[in-house]
Amino acid sequence: MSRVIVFQHIDREGPGLFSKIAKEHQKDVIISRLDLGQSIPNLVDKDLLLVMGGPMGVGDLKNPKYPWLKKEVEILKFALEKKIRVIGVCLGAQLLAYAAGGTVEPLTIGYTKTKKLEVGWAPVNFHNKNDPLNLFEDSKFDVLHWHGDRAILPPGAEIIASSQLCPEQLFCINNHAYGIQFHVEVEEDMALRWISEDNKFIHDALGHNASSILRKQQADFGKETLSNRLKFINKIFDLLS
């Protein structure tokens, strides 16, 4: 059985629906918690490396709180060099872009470059109606956003989909590595846990009613988008098979 090696950085940001689809594709899911000092399986050609999100960032590479971040970038560079398949989600997408030669900077808006957090359910739009990941009739895909940084992509990377606030929402590097800035993986209990535990972040983004706003959005979009999100994850696994 081929393997999906998951780098998870915090309890609440696990693989979610990725794990469900991986098992349907007859893949063994192995979760490695680098932040807890767990060992990293040696990557081989048939593996798929799935790098999840977290509140830390590329700017924390020298932060002694996260000594494993440098190691993770080294592993991503190795995976890119050896053409091992990679999916990076949120932080994982930013680390992937950085490992490939890009940079990461705060998400900003307007001429004044005011910092902006992108949090909540909102659509991403596909640039190419014929892209294999564009599975939606109107080229619009409603997803959950939860970030304050953006990846500045290296030369040769292809942007596949963007949101109103962030151009680099979905991108591909060398046809074997995908960066996904948004969150397709969240199951209902995960989303509610994020709302409860990431209190300061969501209030900075949406104000004092952040919890109510996000719970309402989750009720409106969580189940309604589930089939599309599963379809999207299935397609990525197909493309990387």
Foldseek 3Di string as FASTA:
>chain_A
DEEEEEEDADVLWDQFLLVVLCVVVVHHYHYADVLVVGDGDDDDQRYEYEYIDDPDAPVCCVPPSCVCLVVVLVVLLVCVVVLRFYEAEARGLQSNQVSVPWHKDFFADDPVRHFAWQFAKDWKAFPDCPPLLQPDPRRIAIFGAGDGMAIGGDPPKAAGIAGPRYRRQWIDHPQRYIYHNTDLRDAPVSQLVCLVPVPVRQCVHPNPCSSVVRVVRCVVDVVVRNVVSSVSSNSSVVSND
